[in-house]
Structures are given as structure tokens and as C-alpha cells.
Protein backbone atom coordinates (compact mmCIF):
# COMPACT_ATOMS: atom_id res chain seq x y z
CA MET A 1 3.62 -8.48 16.09
CA ASP A 2 6.98 -6.81 15.49
CA GLU A 3 6.93 -3.10 14.72
CA ARG A 4 9.44 -1.10 12.72
CA ALA A 5 10.30 2.58 13.00
CA ILE A 6 9.72 5.35 10.50
CA ASP A 7 12.84 7.21 11.55
CA ARG A 8 12.05 10.64 10.14
CA SER A 9 8.68 10.87 11.92
CA GLY A 10 9.45 8.81 15.02
CA GLN A 11 6.36 6.70 14.33
CA ARG A 12 6.14 2.91 14.35
CA ALA A 13 4.13 0.44 12.28
CA SER A 14 3.50 -3.29 12.50
CA VAL A 15 5.45 -5.22 9.87
CA VAL A 16 2.14 -6.35 8.39
CA GLY A 17 -0.39 -3.55 8.13
CA LEU A 18 -3.83 -3.43 6.55
CA GLY A 19 -4.69 -1.80 3.25
CA THR A 20 -8.32 -0.67 3.18
CA TRP A 21 -8.98 0.04 -0.50
CA GLN A 22 -11.33 -2.96 -0.48
CA LEU A 23 -13.34 -1.50 2.39
CA GLY A 24 -14.28 1.45 0.22
CA ALA A 25 -16.20 -0.89 -2.15
CA ASP A 26 -13.84 -0.34 -5.07
CA TRP A 27 -13.31 -4.11 -5.37
CA GLY A 28 -16.97 -5.04 -5.42
CA ASP A 29 -19.39 -4.51 -2.58
CA VAL A 30 -18.27 -5.03 1.02
CA ASP A 31 -20.94 -4.40 3.65
CA GLU A 32 -20.33 -2.50 6.88
CA LYS A 33 -20.44 -5.58 9.09
CA ASP A 34 -17.80 -7.38 7.02
CA ALA A 35 -15.61 -4.27 6.87
CA LEU A 36 -15.64 -3.88 10.65
CA ALA A 37 -14.89 -7.59 11.05
CA VAL A 38 -11.79 -7.19 8.86
CA LEU A 39 -10.54 -4.31 11.00
CA GLU A 40 -11.22 -6.25 14.21
CA ALA A 41 -9.44 -9.37 12.95
CA ALA A 42 -6.42 -7.35 11.85
CA ALA A 43 -6.18 -5.50 15.17
CA GLU A 44 -6.57 -8.69 17.20
CA SER A 45 -3.74 -10.20 15.12
CA GLY A 46 -1.37 -7.41 16.12
CA VAL A 47 -1.77 -5.02 13.16
CA THR A 48 -1.09 -1.43 14.24
CA PHE A 49 -1.01 0.28 10.83
CA PHE A 50 -4.09 1.00 8.68
CA ASP A 51 -3.69 2.58 5.25
CA THR A 52 -6.60 4.36 3.59
CA ALA A 53 -7.36 7.29 1.25
CA ASP A 54 -9.96 9.99 0.91
CA VAL A 55 -11.17 8.51 -2.39
CA TYR A 56 -11.66 4.93 -1.22
CA GLY A 57 -15.41 4.68 -1.50
CA ASP A 58 -15.49 8.51 -1.56
CA GLY A 59 -14.54 8.56 2.12
CA ARG A 60 -16.30 5.38 3.19
CA SER A 61 -13.04 3.63 4.08
CA GLU A 62 -11.93 6.50 6.32
CA GLN A 63 -15.35 6.63 7.99
CA THR A 64 -15.35 2.88 8.63
CA ILE A 65 -11.94 3.06 10.28
CA ALA A 66 -13.17 5.92 12.45
CA SER A 67 -16.25 3.95 13.49
CA PHE A 68 -14.10 0.95 14.42
CA LEU A 69 -11.54 2.92 16.41
CA ARG A 70 -14.23 4.79 18.34
CA GLY A 71 -15.35 1.45 19.68
CA ARG A 72 -11.79 0.37 20.53
CA PRO A 73 -10.16 3.21 22.49
CA ASP A 74 -7.67 0.66 23.86
CA LEU A 75 -5.98 0.29 20.49
CA HIS A 76 -3.00 2.32 19.32
CA VAL A 77 -3.18 2.28 15.53
CA LEU A 78 -1.22 4.52 13.15
CA VAL A 79 -3.68 5.56 10.44
CA ALA A 80 -2.21 6.75 7.14
CA THR A 81 -4.49 8.37 4.60
CA LYS A 82 -3.89 9.92 1.19
CA MET A 83 -5.00 13.00 -0.69
CA GLY A 84 -4.88 14.45 -4.18
CA ARG A 85 -7.14 12.26 -6.33
CA ARG A 86 -10.31 14.29 -5.86
CA VAL A 87 -9.41 16.73 -8.65
CA ASP A 88 -8.06 16.69 -12.18
CA GLN A 89 -4.53 15.33 -12.13
CA ILE A 90 -2.61 18.47 -13.03
CA PRO A 91 0.19 19.96 -10.92
CA GLU A 92 -1.68 23.25 -10.56
CA ASN A 93 -4.21 21.55 -8.25
CA TYR A 94 -1.54 20.62 -5.68
CA VAL A 95 -1.70 23.86 -3.68
CA LEU A 96 -2.11 24.76 -0.01
CA ASP A 97 -5.78 25.79 -0.24
CA ASN A 98 -6.70 22.41 -1.73
CA PHE A 99 -4.52 20.59 0.79
CA ARG A 100 -6.36 22.30 3.64
CA ALA A 101 -9.76 21.44 2.15
CA TRP A 102 -8.83 17.78 1.60
CA ASN A 103 -7.28 17.65 5.04
CA ASP A 104 -10.43 19.06 6.65
CA ARG A 105 -12.52 16.39 4.95
CA SER A 106 -10.26 13.53 6.02
CA ARG A 107 -10.10 14.79 9.59
CA ARG A 108 -13.90 14.85 9.68
CA ASN A 109 -14.11 11.37 8.16
CA LEU A 110 -11.59 9.96 10.62
CA GLY A 111 -12.90 11.93 13.58
CA VAL A 112 -9.55 13.41 14.61
CA ASP A 113 -8.02 16.87 14.97
CA ARG A 114 -4.66 15.79 13.57
CA LEU A 115 -3.99 13.08 11.02
CA ASP A 116 -1.14 10.67 11.80
CA LEU A 117 0.32 10.43 8.30
CA VAL A 118 -0.90 11.97 5.04
CA GLN A 119 0.46 10.82 1.70
CA LEU A 120 0.21 12.51 -1.68
CA HIS A 121 -1.76 9.96 -3.69
CA CYS A 122 0.34 9.20 -6.77
CA PRO A 123 0.33 12.80 -8.05
CA PRO A 124 1.59 13.94 -11.46
CA THR A 125 5.35 13.48 -11.70
CA PRO A 126 6.21 17.24 -11.70
CA VAL A 127 4.66 17.56 -8.22
CA TYR A 128 7.61 15.75 -6.67
CA SER A 129 9.96 18.48 -7.89
CA SER A 130 7.87 21.42 -6.66
CA ASP A 131 9.24 23.36 -3.70
CA GLU A 132 5.82 24.98 -3.24
CA VAL A 133 4.14 21.60 -2.76
CA PHE A 134 6.48 20.55 0.02
CA ASP A 135 6.36 23.99 1.61
CA ALA A 136 2.58 23.56 1.75
CA LEU A 137 2.93 20.15 3.37
CA ASP A 138 5.30 21.63 5.93
CA THR A 139 2.64 24.24 6.65
CA LEU A 140 0.10 21.51 7.43
CA VAL A 141 2.55 20.09 9.96
CA GLU A 142 3.15 23.53 11.47
CA GLU A 143 -0.62 24.06 11.74
CA GLU A 144 -0.85 20.69 13.55
CA ARG A 145 -3.30 19.37 10.98
CA ILE A 146 -0.98 16.44 10.29
CA ALA A 147 1.77 14.79 12.30
CA ALA A 148 3.81 13.72 9.28
CA TYR A 149 3.60 13.39 5.51
CA GLY A 150 4.77 11.04 2.81
CA VAL A 151 4.09 10.13 -0.79
CA SER A 152 2.60 7.24 -2.70
CA VAL A 153 4.41 6.77 -5.99
CA GLU A 154 4.14 4.84 -9.22
CA THR A 155 7.79 4.77 -10.26
CA CYS A 156 11.19 4.30 -8.70
CA ALA A 157 12.30 7.65 -10.12
CA GLU A 158 9.44 9.42 -8.31
CA ALA A 159 10.39 7.65 -5.09
CA LEU A 160 14.00 8.81 -5.29
CA THR A 161 12.94 12.41 -5.94
CA ALA A 162 10.68 12.27 -2.88
CA ILE A 163 13.30 10.69 -0.63
CA ALA A 164 15.57 13.67 -1.33
CA ARG A 165 12.98 15.96 0.31
CA PRO A 166 13.94 16.29 4.01
CA GLY A 167 10.34 16.40 5.26
CA VAL A 168 9.17 13.20 3.57
CA ALA A 169 8.66 10.55 6.26
CA SER A 170 7.52 7.66 4.07
CA VAL A 171 7.27 6.38 0.54
CA GLN A 172 4.53 3.97 -0.46
CA ILE A 173 5.49 1.92 -3.50
CA ILE A 174 4.38 -1.24 -5.27
CA LEU A 175 6.66 -4.05 -4.13
CA ASN A 176 6.09 -7.78 -4.47
CA PRO A 177 7.80 -10.81 -6.07
CA PHE A 178 6.42 -9.62 -9.43
CA ARG A 179 7.74 -6.05 -8.93
CA THR A 180 11.28 -6.11 -7.57
CA LYS A 181 13.00 -3.09 -9.12
CA PRO A 182 12.54 -1.02 -5.90
CA LEU A 183 14.83 -3.45 -4.07
CA ARG A 184 17.76 -2.14 -6.07
CA GLU A 185 16.78 1.45 -6.79
CA VAL A 186 14.70 2.68 -3.85
CA LEU A 187 15.10 0.71 -0.63
CA PRO A 188 18.84 1.40 -0.17
CA ALA A 189 18.26 5.15 -0.53
CA ALA A 190 15.31 5.05 1.86
CA ARG A 191 17.32 3.16 4.49
CA GLU A 192 20.13 5.69 4.31
CA ALA A 193 17.71 8.63 4.61
CA GLY A 194 15.58 7.13 7.39
CA VAL A 195 12.47 7.12 5.19
CA GLY A 196 9.85 4.47 5.84
CA ILE A 197 8.84 2.13 3.03
CA ILE A 198 5.19 1.07 2.81
CA ALA A 199 4.91 -1.85 0.39
CA ARG A 200 1.58 -1.82 -1.44
CA VAL A 201 -0.11 -4.18 -3.94
CA PRO A 202 1.81 -7.00 -2.24
CA LEU A 203 -0.25 -9.77 -3.84
CA ALA A 204 -0.34 -8.19 -7.30
CA SER A 205 -4.10 -7.60 -6.98
CA GLY A 206 -4.57 -11.18 -5.82
CA LEU A 207 -2.55 -12.90 -8.54
CA LEU A 208 -0.01 -14.12 -5.99
CA SER A 209 -2.73 -15.82 -3.96
CA GLY A 210 -2.68 -18.53 -6.63
CA LYS A 211 -6.49 -18.61 -6.72
CA TYR A 212 -7.12 -17.23 -10.21
CA THR A 213 -7.17 -18.90 -13.60
CA LYS A 214 -7.43 -17.49 -17.11
CA ASP A 215 -11.19 -18.05 -16.85
CA THR A 216 -11.71 -16.11 -13.59
CA VAL A 217 -14.31 -13.35 -13.98
CA PHE A 218 -14.23 -10.29 -11.72
CA ALA A 219 -17.19 -8.03 -11.03
CA ALA A 220 -17.80 -5.10 -13.37
CA ASP A 221 -17.11 -2.64 -10.53
CA ASP A 222 -13.81 -4.34 -9.63
CA HIS A 223 -10.70 -2.54 -10.91
CA ARG A 224 -9.36 -5.93 -12.02
CA THR A 225 -12.05 -5.74 -14.70
CA TYR A 226 -12.12 -2.05 -15.62
CA ASN A 227 -8.44 -1.10 -15.27
CA ARG A 228 -6.52 -4.01 -16.78
CA HIS A 229 -5.00 -1.75 -19.41
CA GLY A 230 -4.88 1.47 -17.39
CA GLU A 231 -8.26 2.75 -18.47
CA ALA A 232 -9.06 4.43 -15.12
CA PHE A 233 -5.65 4.96 -13.47
CA ASP A 234 -2.08 3.72 -13.75
CA GLN A 235 -2.00 0.20 -15.13
CA GLY A 236 0.66 -0.76 -12.62
CA GLU A 237 -1.93 -0.65 -9.84
CA THR A 238 -3.78 -3.63 -11.36
CA PHE A 239 -1.97 -6.98 -11.34
CA SER A 240 1.24 -4.93 -10.82
CA GLY A 241 1.09 -4.06 -14.50
CA VAL A 242 1.57 -7.67 -15.62
CA ASP A 243 -0.53 -8.96 -18.49
CA TYR A 244 -3.24 -11.11 -16.91
CA THR A 245 -2.56 -14.26 -18.92
CA THR A 246 1.17 -14.09 -18.22
CA GLY A 247 0.44 -13.29 -14.60
CA VAL A 248 -1.80 -16.30 -14.08
CA GLU A 249 0.75 -18.64 -15.61
CA ALA A 250 3.60 -17.17 -13.55
CA ALA A 251 1.44 -17.22 -10.41
CA ALA A 252 0.95 -20.97 -10.80
CA GLU A 253 4.73 -21.39 -10.75
CA PHE A 254 4.93 -19.04 -7.79
CA ALA A 255 2.34 -20.98 -5.79
CA ALA A 256 4.31 -24.19 -6.27
CA LEU A 257 7.27 -22.59 -4.48
CA ALA A 258 5.42 -22.01 -1.20
CA PRO A 259 7.13 -23.92 1.65
CA GLU A 260 5.12 -26.36 3.73
CA GLY A 261 2.75 -24.56 6.08
CA CYS A 262 2.83 -21.36 4.02
CA THR A 263 0.13 -20.30 1.57
CA PRO A 264 1.11 -18.57 -1.68
CA ALA A 265 -0.22 -15.26 -0.32
CA GLN A 266 1.83 -15.67 2.85
CA LEU A 267 4.89 -16.49 0.74
CA ALA A 268 4.51 -13.14 -1.04
CA LEU A 269 4.07 -11.27 2.23
CA ARG A 270 6.93 -13.08 3.94
CA TRP A 271 9.22 -12.29 1.00
CA ILE A 272 8.39 -8.58 1.32
CA ILE A 273 8.83 -8.52 5.11
CA GLU A 274 12.34 -9.93 4.73
CA GLN A 275 13.53 -7.19 2.36
CA PRO A 276 15.91 -4.77 4.16
CA GLY A 277 14.34 -1.33 4.34
CA VAL A 278 10.67 -2.36 4.30
CA THR A 279 8.76 -0.82 7.19
CA THR A 280 5.35 -2.40 6.62
CA VAL A 281 3.44 -4.28 3.96
CA ILE A 282 -0.25 -3.49 3.49
CA PRO A 283 -2.30 -6.36 2.04
CA GLY A 284 -6.02 -5.82 1.80
CA ALA A 285 -8.63 -8.28 3.02
CA ARG A 286 -12.26 -8.86 2.11
CA ASN A 287 -13.04 -10.89 5.23
CA ALA A 288 -11.72 -11.60 8.71
CA GLU A 289 -10.16 -14.91 7.72
CA GLN A 290 -7.99 -13.21 5.08
CA ALA A 291 -6.95 -10.51 7.54
CA ARG A 292 -5.81 -13.11 10.08
CA ALA A 293 -3.97 -15.17 7.48
CA ASN A 294 -2.14 -12.08 6.20
CA ALA A 295 -1.06 -11.10 9.69
CA ALA A 296 0.19 -14.63 10.36
CA ALA A 297 2.88 -14.15 7.70
CA ALA A 298 4.78 -12.03 10.23
CA LYS A 299 5.37 -15.10 12.41
CA LEU A 300 6.42 -17.57 9.74
CA PRO A 301 10.00 -18.85 9.58
CA GLU A 302 12.52 -17.09 7.36
CA LEU A 303 12.27 -18.27 3.77
CA PRO A 304 14.81 -20.89 2.68
CA ALA A 305 17.60 -19.58 0.48
CA GLU A 306 16.60 -21.92 -2.34
CA THR A 307 13.08 -20.48 -2.33
CA VAL A 308 14.40 -16.93 -2.57
CA THR A 309 16.62 -17.95 -5.48
CA ALA A 310 13.73 -19.65 -7.26
CA LEU A 311 11.55 -16.53 -6.85
CA ARG A 312 14.26 -14.36 -8.36
CA ASP A 313 14.59 -16.73 -11.30
CA LEU A 314 10.82 -16.73 -11.87
CA TYR A 315 10.75 -12.94 -11.94
CA ASP A 316 13.69 -12.75 -14.36
CA ARG A 317 12.16 -15.30 -16.73
CA ARG A 318 8.50 -14.32 -16.76
CA ILE A 319 7.95 -10.83 -15.41
CA LYS A 320 10.96 -8.52 -15.62
CA ASP A 321 10.64 -7.53 -19.27
CA GLN A 322 7.00 -6.47 -18.78
CA VAL A 323 7.42 -4.15 -15.81
CA GLU A 324 10.95 -2.85 -15.30
CA LYS A 325 11.02 -0.43 -18.20
CA ARG A 326 7.78 1.27 -17.13
CA TRP A 327 8.00 1.61 -13.36
């Protein structure tokens, strides 16, 4: 699979990576055997970028990745984790002592002395403007606890503030055919600065797979049940912030636009891959078959111009008014 560079850190990532939120059991239960099978299928399909976080399953996702990589010393995988969601979300908690403690825990979970890439995990907005926060992150690099750092953001404004920081290697942001504002406001600035873009929530929490209807019921412990209105964390993380009924109706239109030989999910991933400035897209997978199908999007033909135009029209008609003013 093709890889793209994160210029500021000198690291490289496959154009399709793997998001491992699901492997932490925050989307319903996933057993260890299935989780390892997902990682194996992704790696065998050419994926060289795994994204995780210290709170996914309270560390279970990190530990599962470590277990898999111990058994595959032949693989060269860039593992990005996140930190910051283990405490109350106030700026005062984003200090060096906490960073070191969170870093120690993630290094233990992942079984490494130095983490490849650590991202602040959607912190409070004032954190992005704090010199002390980024000085602390620089200290972690100097102490060789981490090779590089980045941020995961909720809004385009937060992304632009982060990109202006010279030590930020990457920005992880929600980007998909139902969330296109970053194309105009963030990706050009990231390209100019040499900052990698990690596109997350690429299928709008599964909406863009075309598999859901208004009657679909998700498990009680699935965030698509308990966070539809932002009850647990930012609403934009669930269905990209789109009202579920609207999302299902728009997703049916979206699915009908998939070219022959391309599933709706692959259409979404292919669309993201083709956006100038995207380094990697990180779909999750609950089983090996999904992981392989996601990776296959990297080898599909370029989308026809008429498909791209139709996707833009769908967004403008059905989605734009719901999401642009918030994120």
C-alpha cells in the first residue's frame, strides 16, 4: 500500500490506517481473538499505521496492539496513541507531571520505551493556546519518551491553532463526505506547514456504510446509542454530528452513488484518500473482513468527476447546515 510522509516528524503512514477504538470494547464487546484477527488482516493488507488511545477500553486497545506486534517482529507499524481524557476536562490538568504519568502508562501498555506519536485527545480549547502545554510536549520529546506529538481536534479553529505550533507533527480531525469543512479551512494550511492530517470518523460512525435504517438498534454500551446528542462527549464524534434520521436518509443517497465494484464504505474512504493533504484515513473494523475491505479502498480507481460532484451536491443539500456552524 502507498505510504505518505508526515513531513515535520519524518515518519510515514499507509494511506489507509486502522482506528482501534472498537478494539477497546467501546462499540460493544469485541473478544481478544477477533481483535487480533482485525490487526492481522489490516497488517497483511499493507496497513502500517495503527491509531489508539489510553482510554480505549481503559488501555485494552493499547495492550492488544502490543500483544499483536510482539508476535510480529517483522512488521514496521507506526503506532499513534492519545492522552488527556483520563481526568476532568479542564486546562489545569494538561501539565507536565500528568503528561509523564499518562506517558508511562501508555508505554507500559504498548511495551515500548518510546512512543511513536502521541496526540492530545481533543482537549479543552484553551489548551491549544497554552505555551506551557507545548513546552511540556517538547520536554517529552527531549526525554525520548515520545518521538513526535500531535493533536486530535473537534473543530477547524482548533486545528489551525495547533498547526501554528512548530512542534506539532500531525492533526487528527473528523473528515468524511458528511464533514467537508476541513477541506477548505484546514488541509491547505497543513500542507503548507508540513503537518500530517489523520482523517478520523471516516464512515460517520458507520452511516456511510449504507447498512443502517431508521429502525436499526445499537447496543446500550455502543456510543451510537448513548452519545447521539453529546451526552458523554462531543456530539460530533457520533454520526459526525448529523441527526440520525437525516443521516440515514442521506446515507441512502450516498450509497446509490458508489461506482461499480466499490462499496459505499469504500466510496467514503476513497473520497478521503483523494483529498490533497490527507496523510492517512483511519477506519475502524470489528472483524477481519471489514479490515481487508477498508484497506482495499487504497487500490480502487480514482473516483469519476461526476461522482465527486454528486457527493458535493448531497453534502450541500442535506448535511452542511447541520454541521458547518458547529465544527
